[in-house]
Amino acid sequence: MGILNGKPEEEPLHAGEVFHLWSYLHGTKGFLVNMQIYLNHSGDNDLIAFLEDMQENVVTQEEQQVDALLKETGIRLPPAPPDRPNVELQDIPAGARFHDPEIANLVQKELMVRRILCSYVIGVSIREDIRTMFGDFLAQQDEYELKLLNITKEKGWIVSPPINTK
């Protein structure tokens, strides 16, 4: 059976897996910094609670899992952008501030892109542990995108496409 011995954690990563794991981790580190910015700019308590929950229970956990996998296999980790300081909402000038509907839209777009990336990684991976990990990521992101959709509907922030009545 060669290098594919039936124990996924002992199998080497192929070049595509290395590239996509590294790229996914790099994007995740950037998204964590974006989440800090969004939390600084948000004034809506429901959106803040959602962002904090997602940051802690989804994005940070994904970062830790992919980080650990790359470390175990000896792959150099991507750099992380510097953390952003916490600021008070009223200290952000009105013209420079993201508004809550904009934040919700940006996070929704990021979740959509991350779900596509997870699907792609699942498709190119031959290691079952990576496929399973990204399948779990995909399910969590879908769950949080649905939560965000409900928040945007409740707040009246959703921008619906034209409805076809014909």
Protein backbone atom coordinates (compact mmCIF):
# COMPACT_ATOMS: atom_id res chain seq x y z
CA MET A 1 0.00 0.00 0.00
CA GLY A 2 3.02 2.29 0.24
CA ILE A 3 2.63 5.72 1.78
CA LEU A 4 -1.16 5.41 1.91
CA ASN A 5 -1.23 3.00 4.84
CA GLY A 6 -4.81 3.49 6.01
CA LYS A 7 -3.83 5.84 8.85
CA PRO A 8 -4.61 9.30 7.47
CA GLU A 9 -2.71 11.20 10.15
CA GLU A 10 0.50 9.39 9.11
CA GLU A 11 0.06 9.93 5.37
CA PRO A 12 2.06 12.79 3.83
CA LEU A 13 0.24 15.82 2.52
CA HIS A 14 0.29 16.29 -1.23
CA ALA A 15 1.19 19.67 -2.72
CA GLY A 16 -2.45 20.71 -3.18
CA GLU A 17 -3.31 19.91 0.43
CA VAL A 18 -0.30 21.88 1.67
CA PHE A 19 -1.13 24.88 -0.49
CA HIS A 20 -4.82 24.96 0.42
CA LEU A 21 -4.28 24.34 4.14
CA TRP A 22 -1.65 27.08 4.25
CA SER A 23 -3.84 29.47 2.24
CA TYR A 24 -6.91 28.70 4.35
CA LEU A 25 -4.96 29.37 7.55
CA HIS A 26 -3.59 32.62 6.12
CA GLY A 27 -7.12 33.77 5.24
CA THR A 28 -8.44 32.70 8.64
CA LYS A 29 -5.80 34.75 10.46
CA GLY A 30 -6.82 37.77 8.37
CA PHE A 31 -10.51 37.14 9.04
CA LEU A 32 -9.84 37.09 12.80
CA VAL A 33 -8.38 40.59 12.53
CA ASN A 34 -11.36 41.68 10.42
CA MET A 35 -13.63 40.33 13.16
CA GLN A 36 -11.84 42.57 15.69
CA ILE A 37 -12.48 45.55 13.43
CA TYR A 38 -16.15 44.62 12.97
CA LEU A 39 -16.58 44.26 16.73
CA ASN A 40 -15.08 47.73 17.23
CA HIS A 41 -17.48 49.23 14.67
CA SER A 42 -20.69 47.44 15.62
CA GLY A 43 -23.27 49.08 17.82
CA ASP A 44 -25.98 46.41 17.66
CA ASN A 45 -25.97 44.07 20.67
CA ASP A 46 -27.33 41.08 18.73
CA LEU A 47 -24.70 41.48 16.02
CA ILE A 48 -21.94 41.89 18.61
CA ALA A 49 -23.05 38.71 20.39
CA PHE A 50 -23.13 36.86 17.06
CA LEU A 51 -19.67 38.11 16.05
CA GLU A 52 -18.13 37.22 19.42
CA ASP A 53 -19.72 33.77 19.35
CA MET A 54 -18.58 33.11 15.79
CA GLN A 55 -15.08 34.42 16.47
CA GLU A 56 -14.66 32.16 19.50
CA ASN A 57 -16.53 29.03 18.40
CA VAL A 58 -15.82 28.92 14.68
CA VAL A 59 -12.96 31.04 13.37
CA THR A 60 -10.54 30.64 16.29
CA GLN A 61 -11.15 26.89 16.44
CA GLU A 62 -10.58 26.54 12.70
CA GLU A 63 -7.34 28.48 13.04
CA GLN A 64 -6.16 26.25 15.88
CA GLN A 65 -7.01 23.01 14.07
CA VAL A 66 -5.35 23.92 10.76
CA ASP A 67 -2.40 25.47 12.62
CA ALA A 68 -1.88 22.24 14.59
CA LEU A 69 -2.10 20.09 11.44
CA LEU A 70 0.49 22.18 9.61
CA LYS A 71 2.80 22.19 12.64
CA GLU A 72 2.55 18.39 12.93
CA THR A 73 3.58 17.99 9.32
CA GLY A 74 6.44 20.49 9.57
CA ILE A 75 4.96 23.13 7.27
CA ARG A 76 5.96 26.73 7.97
CA LEU A 77 2.96 28.72 9.19
CA PRO A 78 1.70 31.84 7.42
CA PRO A 79 2.20 35.20 9.11
CA ALA A 80 -0.65 36.74 11.08
CA PRO A 81 -1.57 40.40 10.78
CA PRO A 82 -1.26 42.37 14.02
CA ASP A 83 -4.25 42.40 16.38
CA ARG A 84 -6.33 45.54 16.43
CA PRO A 85 -6.81 47.47 19.66
CA ASN A 86 -10.27 47.74 21.16
CA VAL A 87 -11.80 51.16 20.62
CA GLU A 88 -15.02 52.80 21.66
CA LEU A 89 -17.61 53.15 18.94
CA GLN A 90 -18.00 56.90 19.50
CA ASP A 91 -14.25 57.36 18.87
CA ILE A 92 -14.60 56.19 15.25
CA PRO A 93 -15.38 59.13 12.92
CA ALA A 94 -18.78 58.85 11.25
CA GLY A 95 -17.33 58.76 7.74
CA ALA A 96 -14.84 56.01 8.61
CA ARG A 97 -17.24 53.72 10.45
CA PHE A 98 -18.74 50.49 9.15
CA HIS A 99 -22.46 50.37 9.91
CA ASP A 100 -24.13 47.25 11.26
CA PRO A 101 -25.86 46.26 7.98
CA GLU A 102 -22.53 46.63 6.18
CA ILE A 103 -20.78 44.46 8.77
CA ALA A 104 -23.46 41.79 8.48
CA ASN A 105 -23.08 41.85 4.69
CA LEU A 106 -19.28 41.61 4.85
CA VAL A 107 -19.42 38.68 7.28
CA GLN A 108 -22.04 36.94 5.13
CA LYS A 109 -19.79 37.28 2.08
CA GLU A 110 -16.82 35.94 4.03
CA LEU A 111 -18.83 32.94 5.23
CA MET A 112 -19.94 32.24 1.66
CA VAL A 113 -16.34 32.34 0.38
CA ARG A 114 -15.14 30.15 3.26
CA ARG A 115 -17.84 27.56 2.51
CA ILE A 116 -16.72 27.43 -1.11
CA LEU A 117 -13.09 27.02 -0.01
CA CYS A 118 -14.04 24.24 2.41
CA SER A 119 -15.85 22.40 -0.39
CA TYR A 120 -12.82 22.78 -2.62
CA VAL A 121 -10.39 21.49 0.03
CA ILE A 122 -12.68 18.50 0.59
CA GLY A 123 -12.59 17.83 -3.14
CA VAL A 124 -8.79 17.96 -3.56
CA SER A 125 -7.85 16.13 -0.36
CA ILE A 126 -7.04 12.46 -0.28
CA ARG A 127 -6.51 12.35 3.48
CA GLU A 128 -9.76 11.47 5.22
CA ASP A 129 -8.89 13.48 8.33
CA ILE A 130 -8.60 16.67 6.27
CA ARG A 131 -11.84 15.92 4.43
CA THR A 132 -13.61 15.35 7.75
CA MET A 133 -12.14 18.50 9.33
CA PHE A 134 -13.24 20.68 6.43
CA GLY A 135 -16.63 18.97 6.33
CA ASP A 136 -17.07 20.03 9.96
CA PHE A 137 -15.94 23.57 9.10
CA LEU A 138 -18.46 23.66 6.26
CA ALA A 139 -21.32 22.55 8.51
CA GLN A 140 -20.45 25.14 11.18
CA GLN A 141 -20.18 27.95 8.67
CA ASP A 142 -23.54 27.00 7.17
CA GLU A 143 -25.08 27.08 10.66
CA TYR A 144 -23.63 30.52 11.40
CA GLU A 145 -24.61 31.90 8.01
CA LEU A 146 -28.20 30.88 8.77
CA LYS A 147 -27.99 32.61 12.19
CA LEU A 148 -26.70 35.75 10.48
CA LEU A 149 -29.49 35.57 7.90
CA ASN A 150 -32.04 35.50 10.71
CA ILE A 151 -30.42 38.52 12.38
CA THR A 152 -30.46 40.50 9.13
CA LYS A 153 -34.11 39.64 8.56
CA GLU A 154 -35.10 40.60 12.13
CA LYS A 155 -33.24 43.92 11.89
CA GLY A 156 -34.53 44.76 8.42
CA TRP A 157 -30.99 44.83 7.01
CA ILE A 158 -31.49 42.25 4.30
CA VAL A 159 -31.53 43.56 0.76
CA SER A 160 -33.69 41.26 -1.26
CA PRO A 161 -33.45 40.96 -5.03
CA PRO A 162 -36.51 42.04 -7.01
CA ILE A 163 -39.43 39.68 -6.62
CA ASN A 164 -40.85 38.25 -9.82
CA THR A 165 -44.64 38.38 -9.61
CA LYS A 166 -45.33 37.06 -13.10
